[in-house]
N, C-alpha and C. Protein backbone atom coordinates (compact mmCIF):
# COMPACT_ATOMS: atom_id res chain seq x y z
N MET A 1 158.12 57.74 127.38
CA MET A 1 157.28 59.45 128.08
C MET A 1 155.83 58.63 128.31
N ILE A 2 155.23 58.89 129.18
CA ILE A 2 153.93 58.34 129.03
C ILE A 2 152.81 58.94 128.10
N VAL A 3 153.08 59.98 127.55
CA VAL A 3 152.20 60.82 126.90
C VAL A 3 152.13 60.22 125.92
N PHE A 4 153.58 59.69 124.97
CA PHE A 4 153.58 58.65 123.91
C PHE A 4 152.57 57.23 124.34
N GLN A 5 152.38 56.91 125.27
CA GLN A 5 152.40 55.52 125.34
C GLN A 5 150.44 55.63 125.53
N ILE A 6 150.35 56.71 126.10
CA ILE A 6 149.01 57.11 126.06
C ILE A 6 148.11 57.07 124.74
N ILE A 7 148.76 57.73 123.97
CA ILE A 7 148.31 58.34 122.77
C ILE A 7 148.80 56.78 121.90
N ASN A 8 149.32 56.07 121.77
CA ASN A 8 149.87 54.54 121.46
C ASN A 8 148.83 53.55 121.65
N VAL A 9 147.98 53.83 123.19
CA VAL A 9 146.89 52.97 123.63
C VAL A 9 145.64 53.37 122.87
N ALA A 10 145.32 54.55 122.80
CA ALA A 10 144.14 54.87 122.33
C ALA A 10 144.11 54.53 121.10
N PHE A 11 145.25 55.01 119.97
CA PHE A 11 145.27 54.33 118.60
C PHE A 11 144.92 52.94 118.35
N GLU A 12 145.46 51.85 119.02
CA GLU A 12 145.56 50.97 119.21
C GLU A 12 144.25 50.45 119.53
N VAL A 13 143.47 50.93 120.58
CA VAL A 13 142.12 50.70 121.25
C VAL A 13 141.33 50.84 119.84
N MET A 14 141.17 51.89 119.47
CA MET A 14 140.45 52.47 118.16
C MET A 14 140.50 51.21 116.97
N ARG A 15 141.55 50.93 116.63
CA ARG A 15 142.04 50.08 115.57
C ARG A 15 141.30 48.94 115.82
N GLY A 16 141.53 48.36 116.83
CA GLY A 16 140.87 46.78 117.68
C GLY A 16 139.52 47.31 117.78
N LEU A 17 138.85 48.32 117.89
CA LEU A 17 137.41 48.54 117.52
C LEU A 17 136.93 48.18 116.30
N ILE A 18 137.77 48.81 115.38
CA ILE A 18 137.46 48.76 113.71
C ILE A 18 137.22 46.90 113.31
N VAL A 19 138.39 46.54 114.10
CA VAL A 19 138.48 45.13 113.54
C VAL A 19 137.31 44.67 114.23
N VAL A 20 136.73 44.95 115.30
CA VAL A 20 135.94 43.89 116.22
C VAL A 20 134.43 43.94 115.22
N ARG A 21 134.38 45.52 114.57
CA ARG A 21 133.69 45.66 114.28
C ARG A 21 133.36 44.93 112.61
N VAL A 22 134.31 44.83 111.89
CA VAL A 22 134.62 43.74 110.61
C VAL A 22 134.25 42.96 111.25
N ILE A 23 134.46 42.11 112.30
CA ILE A 23 134.36 40.93 112.33
C ILE A 23 132.76 40.44 112.70
N LEU A 24 132.07 41.52 113.43
CA LEU A 24 130.70 41.81 113.56
C LEU A 24 129.77 41.86 112.28
N SER A 25 130.15 42.09 111.36
CA SER A 25 129.75 42.18 110.28
C SER A 25 129.42 41.07 109.35
N TYR A 26 130.21 40.18 110.09
CA TYR A 26 130.10 38.51 109.60
C TYR A 26 129.17 37.88 110.15
N PHE A 27 128.64 38.33 111.34
CA PHE A 27 127.73 37.49 112.08
C PHE A 27 126.35 38.28 112.34
N ARG A 28 125.35 37.54 113.02
CA ARG A 28 124.02 38.38 112.61
C ARG A 28 124.02 38.74 114.20
N HIS A 29 123.70 39.71 114.85
CA HIS A 29 123.84 40.47 115.92
C HIS A 29 122.52 41.41 116.51
N ASP A 30 122.81 41.79 117.74
CA ASP A 30 121.79 43.13 117.38
C ASP A 30 122.47 44.60 117.69
N PRO A 31 122.24 45.07 116.67
CA PRO A 31 123.32 46.74 116.72
C PRO A 31 122.72 47.72 118.19
N GLN A 32 121.12 46.92 118.60
CA GLN A 32 121.53 47.89 119.83
C GLN A 32 121.11 47.48 120.94
N LYS A 33 122.06 46.08 121.26
CA LYS A 33 122.51 46.28 122.27
C LYS A 33 123.66 46.92 122.67
N PRO A 34 123.93 47.44 124.01
CA PRO A 34 124.72 47.96 124.39
C PRO A 34 126.24 48.01 123.46
N VAL A 35 127.01 46.96 123.78
CA VAL A 35 127.87 46.69 123.80
C VAL A 35 128.30 47.21 121.94
N PHE A 36 127.78 46.30 121.30
CA PHE A 36 127.18 46.41 119.88
C PHE A 36 126.97 48.15 119.55
N ARG A 37 126.25 48.66 120.09
CA ARG A 37 125.59 50.32 120.24
C ARG A 37 127.52 50.53 120.64
N PHE A 38 127.95 50.56 121.55
CA PHE A 38 129.17 51.36 121.90
C PHE A 38 130.18 51.36 120.74
N ILE A 39 130.49 50.06 120.06
CA ILE A 39 131.31 49.49 119.21
C ILE A 39 131.24 50.78 118.17
N TYR A 40 129.96 50.32 117.35
CA TYR A 40 129.39 51.50 116.42
C TYR A 40 129.54 52.94 116.57
N ASP A 41 129.09 53.28 117.66
CA ASP A 41 129.01 54.77 118.04
C ASP A 41 130.69 55.45 118.12
N VAL A 42 131.45 54.54 118.33
CA VAL A 42 132.91 54.67 118.72
C VAL A 42 133.39 54.71 117.11
N THR A 43 133.32 53.88 116.16
CA THR A 43 133.46 53.73 114.96
C THR A 43 133.15 54.41 114.10
N GLU A 44 132.21 54.85 113.95
CA GLU A 44 131.36 55.38 113.23
C GLU A 44 131.87 57.01 112.77
N PRO A 45 132.98 57.88 113.77
CA PRO A 45 133.12 59.00 113.55
C PRO A 45 134.39 59.10 112.46
N ILE A 46 134.51 57.80 112.39
CA ILE A 46 136.07 57.34 111.86
C ILE A 46 135.39 56.93 110.37
N LEU A 47 134.70 55.78 110.48
CA LEU A 47 134.51 55.41 109.31
C LEU A 47 133.74 55.88 108.09
N TYR A 48 132.51 56.63 109.01
CA TYR A 48 131.89 57.57 107.99
C TYR A 48 133.21 58.48 107.05
N PRO A 49 133.29 59.38 107.44
CA PRO A 49 134.20 60.54 106.66
C PRO A 49 134.91 59.23 105.35
N VAL A 50 135.93 58.18 106.22
CA VAL A 50 136.05 57.67 104.83
C VAL A 50 135.29 57.03 103.71
N ARG A 51 134.45 56.86 104.46
CA ARG A 51 133.27 56.39 103.37
C ARG A 51 133.01 57.36 101.97
N ARG A 52 133.02 59.01 102.63
CA ARG A 52 132.31 59.78 102.00
C ARG A 52 133.79 60.36 100.85
N MET A 53 135.01 60.06 101.53
CA MET A 53 135.90 60.22 100.94
C MET A 53 136.40 59.01 99.60
N ILE A 54 135.88 58.17 99.69
CA ILE A 54 136.09 57.11 98.35
C ILE A 54 134.33 56.76 98.29
N PRO A 55 134.08 57.74 97.15
CA PRO A 55 132.83 57.28 96.31
C PRO A 55 133.01 56.21 95.62
N LEU A 56 134.32 55.82 94.99
CA LEU A 56 134.41 54.85 94.20
C LEU A 56 133.81 54.10 94.36
N PHE A 57 133.99 53.22 96.06
CA PHE A 57 133.90 51.92 96.35
C PHE A 57 132.97 51.80 96.79
N ARG A 58 131.46 52.65 97.04
CA ARG A 58 130.73 52.28 97.40
C ARG A 58 129.37 51.46 96.57
N SER A 59 129.85 51.30 95.86
CA SER A 59 129.04 50.31 94.94
C SER A 59 129.73 48.88 95.30
N ALA A 60 130.68 49.06 95.46
CA ALA A 60 131.59 47.53 95.68
C ALA A 60 130.50 46.65 96.57
N PRO A 61 130.57 45.00 96.42
CA PRO A 61 129.95 44.39 97.68
C PRO A 61 130.97 44.48 99.00
N VAL A 62 132.08 45.13 98.74
CA VAL A 62 132.88 45.08 100.13
C VAL A 62 133.03 46.60 100.68
N ASP A 63 133.02 46.66 101.91
CA ASP A 63 133.27 47.77 102.28
C ASP A 63 134.73 47.99 102.70
N PHE A 64 135.34 48.84 101.44
CA PHE A 64 137.03 49.12 101.94
C PHE A 64 137.13 50.04 102.95
N SER A 65 136.21 51.25 103.46
CA SER A 65 136.51 52.14 104.58
C SER A 65 137.02 51.53 105.54
N PRO A 66 136.84 50.23 106.25
CA PRO A 66 138.26 49.96 107.61
C PRO A 66 139.31 49.97 107.55
N ILE A 67 139.81 49.50 105.87
CA ILE A 67 141.07 49.16 105.78
C ILE A 67 141.34 50.46 105.63
N PHE A 68 140.92 51.49 104.94
CA PHE A 68 140.98 52.62 104.95
C PHE A 68 141.76 53.47 105.92
N ALA A 69 140.64 53.49 107.09
CA ALA A 69 140.54 54.16 108.12
C ALA A 69 141.59 53.56 109.14
N PHE A 70 141.76 52.13 109.00
CA PHE A 70 142.97 51.36 110.01
C PHE A 70 144.39 52.13 109.34
N PHE A 71 144.91 52.77 108.12
CA PHE A 71 145.86 52.84 108.17
C PHE A 71 146.19 54.69 107.84
N LEU A 72 144.67 55.05 107.79
CA LEU A 72 144.81 56.40 108.15
C LEU A 72 145.05 56.59 109.67
N LEU A 73 144.47 56.08 110.71
CA LEU A 73 144.91 56.05 111.98
C LEU A 73 145.63 55.78 112.35
N TYR A 74 146.97 55.19 111.35
CA TYR A 74 148.53 54.79 111.80
C TYR A 74 149.26 56.01 111.31
N LEU A 75 148.53 56.73 110.52
CA LEU A 75 149.56 57.82 110.27
C LEU A 75 149.06 59.32 111.11
N ILE A 76 147.34 59.29 111.32
CA ILE A 76 147.56 60.20 112.22
C ILE A 76 148.53 60.02 113.54
N GLU A 77 148.20 58.94 113.96
CA GLU A 77 149.20 58.87 115.32
C GLU A 77 150.54 58.96 114.69
N TRP A 78 151.03 58.60 114.01
CA TRP A 78 152.77 58.70 113.43
C TRP A 78 152.61 60.67 113.40
N PHE A 79 151.57 61.38 112.73
CA PHE A 79 152.47 62.48 113.13
C PHE A 79 151.82 63.20 114.45
N ILE A 80 151.06 63.04 115.25
CA ILE A 80 150.91 63.36 116.76
C ILE A 80 152.06 63.17 117.30
N ILE A 81 152.66 62.16 117.29
CA ILE A 81 153.70 61.39 117.77
C ILE A 81 155.14 62.59 117.36
N ARG A 82 155.06 62.54 116.18
CA ARG A 82 156.11 63.45 115.76
C ARG A 82 156.15 64.70 116.19
N VAL A 83 154.68 65.47 115.94
CA VAL A 83 154.53 66.85 116.17
C VAL A 83 154.96 66.90 117.91
N LEU A 84 154.77 66.20 118.71
CA LEU A 84 155.03 65.95 120.18
C LEU A 84 156.25 66.15 120.21
N GLN A 85 157.03 65.27 119.44
CA GLN A 85 158.52 64.73 119.85
C GLN A 85 159.24 66.36 119.37
N LEU A 86 158.64 66.81 118.67
CA LEU A 86 159.26 68.41 117.78
C LEU A 86 158.86 69.11 119.40
N ILE A 87 158.04 69.31 119.65
CA ILE A 87 157.42 70.24 120.89
C ILE A 87 158.29 69.89 122.29
N LEU A 88 158.29 68.67 122.11
CA LEU A 88 158.88 68.59 123.76
C LEU A 88 160.11 68.08 123.81
N TRP A 89 160.69 67.93 122.88
CA TRP A 89 162.20 67.44 122.68
C TRP A 89 163.03 68.79 122.92
């Protein structure tokens, strides 16, 4: 169904933007440029709550929140698709 494809694409785009943000963190860039601002504005609502849920890793030199967010997005996508399958079938 087209609904499942749209959901899948939306979550894939979000995961892709998180990967791009992680890669950007290794390079010098101007976060005020529109393309970078867009990436930060779209991914921060996902990453910020994950950072708050994992206070243990805040003092770590590496930010693990993208990893957890990545898998959390997979779980949310799976849950949404399963619920929609129950409703639509």
